[in-house]
Protein backbone atom coordinates (compact mmCIF):
# COMPACT_ATOMS: atom_id res chain seq x y z
CA MET A 1 -52.56 91.84 -23.58
CA SER A 2 -51.01 88.63 -23.09
CA ASP A 3 -50.87 86.26 -19.89
CA THR A 4 -47.23 86.45 -19.68
CA ALA A 5 -46.99 90.29 -20.03
CA ILE A 6 -49.75 90.75 -17.10
CA TYR A 7 -47.77 88.00 -14.88
CA ASP A 8 -44.37 89.73 -15.55
CA ALA A 9 -45.73 93.13 -14.81
CA PHE A 10 -47.10 91.74 -11.65
CA ALA A 11 -44.18 89.76 -10.40
CA THR A 12 -42.18 93.01 -11.13
CA LEU A 13 -44.39 95.24 -8.73
CA VAL A 14 -43.90 91.95 -6.25
CA GLY A 15 -39.91 92.20 -6.81
CA GLN A 16 -40.17 95.92 -5.99
CA PHE A 17 -41.92 95.53 -2.92
CA ALA A 18 -39.83 92.50 -1.70
CA ASP A 19 -36.30 94.69 -2.47
CA ALA A 20 -37.97 97.88 -0.32
CA GLN A 21 -38.54 95.59 2.33
CA ALA A 22 -35.32 93.51 2.32
CA LEU A 23 -37.31 90.35 1.99
CA ALA A 24 -36.38 87.29 -0.26
CA CYS A 25 -39.31 86.41 -2.33
CA SER A 26 -39.95 82.91 -4.08
CA TYR A 27 -41.82 82.88 -7.55
CA PRO A 28 -43.85 80.35 -9.23
CA GLY A 29 -41.67 77.67 -10.87
CA GLN A 30 -38.52 79.01 -9.58
CA GLY A 31 -36.16 77.43 -7.39
CA PHE A 32 -35.96 78.94 -3.91
CA THR A 33 -34.49 77.88 -0.53
CA PRO A 34 -35.97 80.16 2.16
CA PRO A 35 -33.81 81.73 4.78
CA THR A 36 -32.69 80.10 8.08
CA GLY A 37 -32.98 81.01 11.48
CA LYS A 38 -35.33 82.03 14.26
CA GLY A 39 -35.49 85.47 12.75
CA ALA A 40 -35.93 84.48 8.92
CA ARG A 41 -38.82 86.01 7.04
CA TRP A 42 -39.40 85.67 3.04
CA LEU A 43 -42.30 85.88 0.65
CA GLU A 44 -43.62 83.28 -1.29
CA LEU A 45 -45.70 84.11 -4.53
CA GLN A 46 -48.40 82.17 -6.11
CA TRP A 47 -50.84 82.97 -9.55
CA PHE A 48 -53.82 82.22 -10.26
CA PRO A 49 -55.45 83.29 -13.77
CA ASN A 50 -58.95 82.81 -13.96
CA GLN A 51 -61.77 82.20 -16.37
CA THR A 52 -62.13 85.42 -19.45
CA GLU A 53 -65.50 86.75 -19.56
CA ASN A 54 -66.65 87.71 -23.30
CA TYR A 55 -67.78 90.93 -23.68
CA GLY A 56 -68.30 90.83 -27.60
CA ILE A 57 -70.01 88.64 -30.23
CA GLU A 58 -67.46 89.36 -32.89
CA ASP A 59 -64.03 87.85 -32.71
CA ASP A 60 -62.45 91.31 -32.01
CA GLY A 61 -64.89 92.11 -29.32
CA PRO A 62 -63.73 93.05 -25.84
CA SER A 63 -62.81 90.47 -23.18
CA LEU A 64 -62.55 90.96 -19.56
CA MET A 65 -59.31 89.20 -18.11
CA GLN A 66 -59.24 88.53 -14.44
CA GLY A 67 -57.62 86.55 -11.78
CA PHE A 68 -55.61 86.95 -8.50
CA GLY A 69 -52.13 86.75 -6.89
CA GLN A 70 -51.67 85.46 -3.70
CA LEU A 71 -48.46 86.79 -1.69
CA SER A 72 -47.70 85.03 1.52
CA ALA A 73 -45.60 86.44 4.35
CA CYS A 74 -43.25 83.72 5.83
CA TYR A 75 -41.22 83.14 8.62
CA ARG A 76 -40.18 80.56 11.33
CA PRO A 77 -42.44 79.41 14.05
CA GLY A 78 -41.78 80.98 17.36
CA PRO A 79 -42.13 85.14 17.49
CA GLY A 80 -45.79 84.95 17.22
CA ILE A 81 -48.25 85.94 14.39
CA MET A 82 -47.99 89.80 14.77
CA VAL A 83 -44.73 89.14 12.69
CA GLY A 84 -46.68 88.05 9.85
CA THR A 85 -49.47 90.79 10.41
CA ALA A 86 -46.66 93.36 10.14
CA ILE A 87 -45.81 92.03 6.85
CA THR A 88 -49.11 91.56 5.35
CA ASP A 89 -50.19 95.09 6.51
CA GLN A 90 -47.25 96.45 4.20
CA ILE A 91 -48.53 94.21 1.58
CA ILE A 92 -52.08 95.33 1.27
CA ALA A 93 -50.83 98.93 1.58
CA ALA A 94 -48.74 98.39 -1.47
CA PHE A 95 -51.25 96.43 -3.59
CA ARG A 96 -54.36 98.50 -2.94
CA LYS A 97 -57.21 99.04 -4.64
CA GLY A 98 -56.41 100.74 -8.12
CA THR A 99 -52.92 99.42 -8.34
CA ALA A 100 -52.19 99.29 -12.04
CA PHE A 101 -49.87 97.10 -14.24
CA ALA A 102 -49.88 95.83 -17.79
CA GLY A 103 -53.50 97.25 -18.34
CA MET A 104 -55.14 95.48 -15.31
CA SER A 105 -55.73 96.96 -12.02
CA VAL A 106 -56.23 95.64 -8.29
CA TYR A 107 -60.43 96.04 -8.52
CA ARG A 108 -60.81 95.68 -4.44
CA LYS A 109 -58.79 95.66 -1.30
CA PRO A 110 -56.62 92.71 -0.76
CA TRP A 111 -57.16 90.43 2.37
CA THR A 112 -55.45 88.02 4.21
CA SER A 113 -56.68 84.40 4.53
CA SER A 114 -56.40 81.81 7.67
CA ILE A 115 -52.61 81.28 8.76
CA ILE A 116 -50.88 78.27 7.40
CA GLN A 117 -48.61 76.78 10.27
CA ASP A 118 -46.06 73.92 9.79
CA PRO A 119 -43.30 72.57 11.45
CA GLU A 120 -40.75 74.57 9.67
CA ARG A 121 -42.67 77.83 8.47
CA VAL A 122 -45.86 79.94 9.25
CA MET A 123 -47.74 81.61 6.17
CA HIS A 124 -50.45 84.35 6.32
CA PRO A 125 -51.46 84.25 2.52
CA VAL A 126 -52.63 87.85 1.24
CA THR A 127 -54.92 87.50 -2.29
CA ILE A 128 -54.37 90.34 -4.34
CA PRO A 129 -57.53 90.31 -7.01
CA TRP A 130 -57.03 91.87 -10.49
CA ARG A 131 -59.14 92.58 -13.63
CA GLY A 132 -59.09 94.39 -17.08
CA PHE A 133 -60.89 94.89 -20.34
CA VAL A 134 -58.98 94.19 -23.59
CA SER A 135 -59.56 93.94 -26.68
CA GLY A 136 -59.76 90.76 -29.23
CA TRP A 137 -58.46 92.99 -32.28
CA THR A 138 -55.29 92.11 -33.81
CA PRO A 139 -53.70 93.28 -37.12
CA ALA A 140 -54.24 89.66 -38.85
CA MET A 141 -57.96 89.98 -37.96
CA SER A 142 -58.51 93.19 -39.68
CA PRO A 143 -61.48 92.82 -41.87
CA LYS A 144 -61.07 93.48 -45.78
CA PRO A 145 -62.71 96.76 -46.69
CA PRO A 146 -65.92 96.25 -49.14
CA ASN A 147 -65.08 97.36 -52.53
CA LEU A 148 -67.06 100.82 -52.05
CA HIS A 149 -64.44 102.38 -54.34
CA LEU A 150 -66.19 100.52 -57.26
CA VAL A 151 -69.13 102.29 -56.93
CA SER A 152 -69.63 105.17 -58.97
CA SER A 153 -72.80 107.93 -59.48
CA ASN A 154 -73.14 107.20 -62.90
CA GLU A 155 -72.99 103.41 -62.85
CA ILE A 156 -75.64 100.94 -61.24
CA PRO A 157 -74.02 99.03 -58.69
CA ASN A 158 -74.17 95.10 -59.29
CA GLU A 159 -75.11 92.76 -56.44
CA GLY A 160 -71.62 91.92 -55.05
CA GLU A 161 -71.43 95.53 -54.38
CA LEU A 162 -74.76 95.92 -52.73
CA GLN A 163 -74.08 92.88 -50.81
CA ALA A 164 -70.60 94.41 -49.68
CA MET A 165 -71.94 97.60 -48.48
CA ARG A 166 -74.59 95.68 -46.58
CA ASP A 167 -71.99 93.56 -45.06
CA ALA A 168 -70.12 96.89 -44.11
CA ILE A 169 -73.39 98.16 -42.61
CA THR A 170 -74.15 95.36 -40.70
CA ARG A 171 -70.18 94.98 -39.10
CA MET A 172 -70.80 98.76 -38.08
CA LYS A 173 -74.22 98.00 -36.63
CA ARG A 174 -72.63 95.05 -34.51
CA ASN A 175 -69.39 97.33 -33.73
CA ARG A 176 -71.78 100.02 -32.29
CA GLN A 177 -73.60 97.52 -30.18
CA LEU A 178 -70.54 96.20 -28.65
CA LEU A 179 -69.11 99.55 -27.93
CA ASP A 180 -72.70 100.43 -25.99
CA GLU A 181 -72.35 97.13 -24.19
CA PHE A 182 -68.76 97.89 -23.11
CA CYS A 183 -69.52 101.28 -22.39
CA ALA A 184 -72.49 100.39 -20.33
CA GLU A 185 -70.22 97.74 -18.20
CA GLN A 186 -67.65 100.53 -17.74
CA ALA A 187 -70.58 102.76 -16.33
CA ARG A 188 -71.61 100.22 -14.14
CA PHE A 189 -67.77 99.67 -12.51
CA VAL A 190 -67.60 103.53 -12.20
CA ARG A 191 -70.62 103.71 -10.25
CA ALA A 192 -69.80 101.17 -8.01
CA GLU A 193 -66.45 102.47 -7.03
CA TYR A 194 -68.28 105.86 -6.31
CA LEU A 195 -70.77 103.99 -4.36
CA ALA A 196 -67.69 102.43 -2.38
CA TYR A 197 -66.46 105.44 -1.72
CA VAL A 198 -69.79 107.30 -0.39
CA GLU A 199 -70.10 103.82 1.81
CA ALA A 200 -66.76 104.60 3.18
CA GLY A 201 -67.72 107.65 4.58
CA PHE A 202 -66.88 109.92 1.93
CA THR A 203 -68.92 112.90 1.05
CA ARG A 204 -70.74 112.81 -2.49
CA PRO A 205 -68.37 115.52 -3.89
CA GLN A 206 -65.20 113.71 -2.48
CA ALA A 207 -66.24 110.45 -3.81
CA MET A 208 -66.79 112.03 -7.44
CA GLN A 209 -63.41 113.64 -7.03
CA LEU A 210 -61.76 110.10 -5.90
CA VAL A 211 -63.24 108.59 -9.22
CA ALA A 212 -62.83 111.53 -11.31
CA ALA A 213 -58.88 111.10 -10.32
CA LYS A 214 -58.94 107.54 -11.43
CA LEU A 215 -60.08 108.04 -14.69
CA GLY A 216 -57.96 110.78 -15.60
CA PRO A 217 -54.57 110.62 -16.98
CA ALA A 218 -51.71 110.02 -14.78
CA LYS A 219 -49.47 113.09 -13.80
CA LYS A 220 -45.89 112.33 -14.65
């Protein structure tokens, strides 16, 4: 999954939220003129991709992509901060933990930062953290299979054919190791989700059902 696809999917969700709330929205790199008037309210999006974590030794090993979007509720000074907190409550609910886009997902509840105020506007930033595993494999990286078809039962394989088989076995062992590491990381992630539900007050069977619902296929 590319950075462009991830941002585009997230920005689409932001646009849908802005439309539902009848709010104008500013996007990174795009011209924007905030609405005027005492009752003016709008959104401002900032995008912060973060460092990719490596979960594989080989070139086609999985990677963890991560970052956060910051969606700010903005308004003209005067009416008080509850104008902003009402909007940030809606942002936090709309981008709740588990919200998925382009193979990524929000992995913890979004949170508000300190209010930023200047003579022209008041801003309530909401940080929305996301992450997701992606494979490093591409068709161009597909390894050439060893010439195992040259080996037959009535011929002694030459050194080149033996080396090709040894290389294939080595690749399979490495891929198995990477898969084991990936599965272990996913297991830790699922267990953390389960414990978070238990700490939040759900019973253990309820927490198990909630986690299972996330892991299951989405209902159409």
